[in-house]
Protein backbone atom coordinates (compact mmCIF):
# COMPACT_ATOMS: atom_id res chain seq x y z
CA MET A 1 44.28 -45.56 105.60
CA PRO A 2 45.97 -43.46 103.02
CA ILE A 3 47.14 -39.78 103.90
CA THR A 4 44.15 -37.83 104.26
CA ASN A 5 45.47 -34.65 103.59
CA ASN A 6 48.19 -33.93 101.00
CA THR A 7 49.21 -30.00 101.59
CA PRO A 8 52.45 -30.12 103.55
CA GLU A 9 51.91 -29.46 107.03
CA GLU A 10 54.79 -26.42 107.11
CA ASN A 11 51.51 -24.69 104.39
CA VAL A 12 48.94 -25.59 106.82
CA GLN A 13 50.61 -23.94 109.89
CA GLY A 14 51.35 -20.83 108.15
CA LEU A 15 47.72 -20.78 106.92
CA PHE A 16 46.16 -20.75 109.95
CA ASN A 17 48.70 -18.33 111.54
CA ARG A 18 47.22 -16.20 108.54
CA ILE A 19 43.76 -16.79 109.68
CA ALA A 20 44.15 -16.48 113.18
CA GLY A 21 42.71 -13.20 114.01
CA ASN A 22 39.82 -13.64 111.84
CA TYR A 23 38.99 -17.36 112.64
CA ASP A 24 36.46 -16.88 115.20
CA ASP A 25 34.46 -14.03 113.19
CA MET A 26 34.60 -16.75 110.12
CA ASN A 27 33.80 -19.61 111.96
CA ASN A 28 30.68 -17.78 113.18
CA LEU A 29 29.92 -16.60 109.52
CA ILE A 30 30.57 -19.83 108.13
CA THR A 31 28.41 -21.95 110.36
CA LEU A 32 25.83 -19.16 111.10
CA HIS A 33 27.09 -19.99 114.89
CA THR A 34 25.64 -23.14 115.12
CA HIS A 35 29.28 -24.74 115.83
CA ARG A 36 28.35 -23.62 119.56
CA HIS A 37 25.16 -25.80 119.65
CA TRP A 38 27.55 -28.70 118.05
CA ARG A 39 29.90 -28.24 120.91
CA ASN A 40 27.28 -27.75 123.77
CA VAL A 41 25.85 -31.06 122.50
CA THR A 42 28.92 -32.79 122.34
CA MET A 43 29.73 -31.64 126.04
CA LYS A 44 26.63 -33.16 127.34
CA LYS A 45 27.22 -36.70 125.48
CA MET A 46 30.79 -36.61 126.97
CA ALA A 47 29.51 -36.23 130.38
CA LEU A 48 33.36 -35.82 131.83
CA LYS A 49 33.46 -35.62 135.66
CA PRO A 50 34.93 -33.38 138.01
CA GLY A 51 38.96 -33.75 138.08
CA ASP A 52 39.02 -35.18 134.82
CA PHE A 53 42.15 -34.68 132.69
CA ALA A 54 41.63 -34.12 128.98
CA ILE A 55 43.53 -32.81 126.16
CA ASP A 56 42.13 -30.82 123.26
CA LEU A 57 44.39 -31.16 119.83
CA CYS A 58 44.14 -28.64 117.36
CA CYS A 59 42.69 -26.51 120.11
CA GLY A 60 42.50 -23.35 117.63
CA THR A 61 41.38 -20.10 119.49
CA GLY A 62 40.68 -22.28 122.75
CA ASP A 63 36.90 -22.36 122.91
CA TRP A 64 36.61 -26.51 123.36
CA THR A 65 39.75 -25.93 125.69
CA ILE A 66 37.88 -23.52 128.05
CA ALA A 67 34.37 -25.70 127.68
CA LEU A 68 36.47 -28.46 128.93
CA ALA A 69 38.11 -26.84 131.64
CA LYS A 70 34.70 -25.68 132.91
CA ALA A 71 33.33 -29.42 132.56
CA VAL A 72 36.12 -30.80 134.77
CA GLY A 73 36.30 -28.00 137.54
CA PRO A 74 39.02 -26.73 139.24
CA ALA A 75 40.10 -30.37 140.35
CA GLY A 76 40.73 -31.27 136.74
CA HIS A 77 42.77 -29.77 134.15
CA VAL A 78 43.13 -29.36 130.22
CA VAL A 79 45.76 -29.51 127.87
CA GLY A 80 45.02 -27.31 124.68
CA LEU A 81 47.48 -28.29 121.98
CA ASP A 82 47.97 -26.68 118.69
CA PHE A 83 51.03 -26.20 115.77
CA SER A 84 49.78 -22.50 115.31
CA GLU A 85 51.71 -20.03 117.61
CA GLU A 86 49.27 -17.14 116.65
CA MET A 87 45.93 -19.41 117.30
CA LEU A 88 47.49 -20.42 120.61
CA ALA A 89 48.28 -16.57 121.56
CA ILE A 90 44.67 -15.67 120.88
CA ALA A 91 43.68 -18.44 122.96
CA LYS A 92 45.84 -17.55 125.66
CA LYS A 93 44.13 -14.46 126.03
CA LYS A 94 40.77 -16.18 126.73
CA VAL A 95 42.14 -18.27 129.38
CA GLU A 96 43.51 -15.22 130.80
CA ALA A 97 39.86 -13.75 130.61
CA VAL A 98 38.15 -16.28 132.36
CA HIS A 99 40.80 -16.72 134.92
CA PHE A 100 41.40 -20.18 133.75
CA GLU A 101 45.01 -20.18 134.20
CA ASP A 102 45.45 -22.92 136.87
CA ARG A 103 43.24 -25.00 134.98
CA ILE A 104 44.41 -24.71 131.31
CA THR A 105 47.89 -25.86 129.83
CA LEU A 106 48.44 -24.51 126.24
CA VAL A 107 51.25 -26.28 124.43
CA GLN A 108 52.70 -25.94 120.94
CA GLY A 109 53.05 -29.25 119.29
CA ASP A 110 52.23 -31.86 116.73
CA ALA A 111 48.73 -33.75 116.66
CA MET A 112 50.54 -36.40 115.13
CA HIS A 113 53.25 -37.20 117.50
CA LEU A 114 51.72 -36.11 121.07
CA PRO A 115 54.65 -35.68 123.86
CA TYR A 116 52.75 -37.55 126.29
CA PRO A 117 52.90 -40.89 127.97
CA ASP A 118 50.31 -43.64 127.46
CA ASP A 119 47.33 -43.75 129.68
CA THR A 120 47.69 -39.89 130.51
CA PHE A 121 44.34 -38.57 129.88
CA ASP A 122 40.68 -39.32 130.71
CA ALA A 123 39.58 -37.63 127.63
CA ALA A 124 40.72 -36.58 124.25
CA THR A 125 38.95 -34.17 121.92
CA ILE A 126 39.46 -32.54 118.39
CA GLY A 127 37.43 -30.21 116.71
CA PHE A 128 37.37 -29.02 113.25
CA GLY A 129 41.43 -30.11 112.82
CA LEU A 130 41.43 -33.80 111.78
CA ARG A 131 40.77 -33.05 108.16
CA ASN A 132 43.99 -30.75 108.22
CA VAL A 133 46.51 -32.90 109.48
CA PRO A 134 48.55 -35.37 107.18
CA ASP A 135 47.07 -38.91 108.40
CA ALA A 136 44.13 -38.55 110.37
CA SER A 137 44.22 -42.49 111.46
CA GLN A 138 47.91 -41.63 113.00
CA VAL A 139 46.07 -38.84 115.28
CA LEU A 140 43.33 -40.83 116.12
CA SER A 141 45.73 -43.75 117.20
CA GLU A 142 47.76 -41.14 119.27
CA MET A 143 44.64 -39.73 120.86
CA ALA A 144 43.40 -43.51 121.59
CA ARG A 145 47.23 -44.04 123.15
CA VAL A 146 47.24 -41.36 125.29
CA ILE A 147 43.62 -42.09 127.23
CA HIS A 148 43.69 -44.62 130.12
CA PRO A 149 41.11 -47.54 129.16
CA GLY A 150 37.67 -46.58 129.29
CA GLY A 151 38.70 -43.15 128.62
CA GLN A 152 36.66 -41.13 125.63
CA VAL A 153 37.61 -39.93 122.28
CA ALA A 154 35.32 -37.09 120.86
CA CYS A 155 35.84 -35.80 117.26
CA LEU A 156 33.60 -32.52 115.84
CA GLU A 157 34.44 -32.09 112.33
CA THR A 158 32.75 -30.77 109.12
CA SER A 159 31.08 -33.42 107.11
CA GLN A 160 29.22 -34.31 103.60
CA PRO A 161 25.33 -34.76 103.76
CA THR A 162 24.64 -38.27 102.22
CA GLN A 163 20.91 -37.13 100.51
CA PRO A 164 21.34 -36.06 97.18
CA ILE A 165 19.60 -32.97 97.22
CA ILE A 166 20.61 -31.99 100.43
CA HIS A 167 24.16 -32.65 99.41
CA LEU A 168 23.52 -30.44 96.24
CA GLY A 169 22.54 -27.60 98.78
CA TRP A 170 25.68 -28.21 100.48
CA GLN A 171 28.01 -28.20 97.93
CA ILE A 172 26.59 -24.96 96.82
CA TYR A 173 27.30 -23.00 99.92
CA PHE A 174 30.35 -24.47 100.47
CA ASN A 175 31.51 -23.23 97.23
CA LEU A 176 30.30 -19.57 98.21
CA VAL A 177 32.45 -19.93 101.28
CA PRO A 178 35.69 -18.70 99.70
CA THR A 179 33.92 -15.77 98.01
CA MET A 180 32.07 -14.90 101.30
CA THR A 181 35.48 -14.66 103.03
CA LYS A 182 37.23 -12.74 100.05
CA LEU A 183 34.33 -10.10 100.59
CA ALA A 184 34.86 -10.49 104.46
CA VAL A 185 38.52 -10.29 105.17
CA HIS A 186 39.84 -10.23 101.85
CA ASN A 187 41.13 -13.97 102.21
CA TYR A 188 40.30 -16.04 98.93
CA ASP A 189 43.40 -18.85 98.90
CA ASP A 190 43.21 -20.01 102.68
CA TYR A 191 39.47 -20.22 102.85
CA ALA A 192 39.25 -21.86 99.37
CA TYR A 193 41.86 -24.63 100.96
CA LEU A 194 39.49 -24.97 104.12
CA GLN A 195 36.43 -25.59 101.69
CA ARG A 196 38.25 -28.09 99.90
CA THR A 197 39.55 -30.12 102.82
CA THR A 198 36.01 -30.30 103.77
CA ALA A 199 34.81 -31.60 100.61
CA GLU A 200 37.49 -34.14 100.61
CA PHE A 201 37.77 -35.67 103.93
CA VAL A 202 36.11 -39.19 104.52
CA THR A 203 32.42 -39.76 105.07
CA ALA A 204 31.09 -40.17 108.72
CA GLU A 205 30.99 -44.00 108.29
CA GLN A 206 34.49 -44.01 107.13
CA LEU A 207 35.48 -42.26 110.18
CA LYS A 208 33.83 -44.26 112.49
CA THR A 209 35.71 -47.39 110.69
CA MET A 210 38.84 -45.13 111.56
CA PHE A 211 38.06 -45.13 114.99
CA GLN A 212 37.33 -48.71 115.04
CA ASP A 213 40.67 -49.71 113.11
CA VAL A 214 42.66 -47.87 116.02
CA GLY A 215 41.08 -49.69 118.48
CA LEU A 216 38.22 -47.59 119.84
CA ARG A 217 34.98 -49.23 120.91
CA ASP A 218 31.27 -48.61 121.31
CA VAL A 219 32.03 -46.35 118.31
CA THR A 220 28.60 -43.61 117.83
CA TYR A 221 28.33 -40.43 115.76
CA GLN A 222 25.75 -37.76 115.29
CA GLN A 223 25.18 -35.93 112.24
CA PHE A 224 24.22 -31.88 112.93
CA ASP A 225 22.56 -29.90 110.55
CA LEU A 226 21.58 -32.52 107.68
CA GLY A 227 24.79 -33.67 107.85
CA ALA A 228 27.22 -30.25 107.77
CA ALA A 229 28.96 -31.48 110.58
CA THR A 230 29.17 -34.88 112.79
CA LEU A 231 30.20 -35.56 115.97
CA HIS A 232 31.97 -38.93 116.91
CA LEU A 233 32.57 -40.90 120.09
CA GLY A 234 34.71 -43.48 121.03
CA LYS A 235 36.41 -45.27 123.90
CA ARG A 236 39.73 -47.30 124.62
CA PRO A 237 38.26 -50.75 125.84
CA TYR A 238 39.56 -52.07 129.11
CA SER A 239 41.78 -55.08 128.70
CA GLY A 240 40.31 -58.06 127.25
CA HIS A 241 37.45 -56.42 125.94
C-alpha cells in the first residue's frame, strides 16, 4: 500500500498541538455532534468484557479512551497513545475529572511503532487518526501485532459517500469546513489540512482490504450518516485459521 499521507509527521504533530484547545468544540461543530453516536455504536459492536486490556491509538483528548475504560471496568485497563503532548494534556485532565487514573495510562508515542510486545492487548482502537499517519497499513499492522489472537481492531474514521448526489453534498459541506473554523477559531490552514486528508483518504472498501492485507479476518464495516464516517472491525485469527 502506498504512503497514505505525505505531510511530514512533525508538521502533523505541530498542527494537533496548535488545535488541541479547540479540538473538542470544533469536532462537535463539524460533525454536528454525531461523532458521539458513532462512538456509542462502535462500543456496542466491540462488546468489550470487564477486565479487558485495550489500547486507543491517536487518542487525542481522550473521549474514546475514557469510554473504553468504562467498558472494561475497574479490573481492566486502557492505554491512550498520542504523539501530541497538548492533546494528552487535555486527556489527562479528563481522566482526572472522572477519577480513572487507575484505569488509564496516557503515553506519548508513535502509532507507526508501538512500544509494546506482540499479543499484549485484547483490543486496539483508532478514532479519526488513521488518515493522518504516513502509512495507514503500517499502523494497522502494528494494531494487529499487539493484540491477542481473537482480539479485535476497531477503526472509526471520516469517509466519503459513494452515492453521487450524496457525495456532491458531502463535498460542498466539507469544502466549507475551513471557512467555518476560520470564523469560529480563526484557524483556516490547519482545518483545511484536515478537510483535505478526509477527501484524499482511501474508500471504505479499500480500507477493508487493508485490514485483510495485514492479516485481520471477519472484517466488516458500517457507514454512518450516508457515508460521512465508517466503522471498520476486524479480528486477529487464531493460529491455523
